[in-house]
């Protein structure tokens, strides 16, 4: 395996998709690859973490969040 990969493997996507609520929701809908699957892993994680924090803030305000 090389240092850089142009596209994550299916195993990488499945592993990443289960680490955050946002990732799991995208995976459930079958759009994870289309939405953020082509991003580098570090960027995917930042997006997922930010969306999870956003949903938590919404729930704290009494709004639906995921």
Foldseek 3Di string as FASTA:
>chain_A
DDPDDQFDDPVVLVVLLPPAPVSVVCVVVPCNCVPPRRPPPVVVVVVRVVLRVVLVVCVVVVHHRD
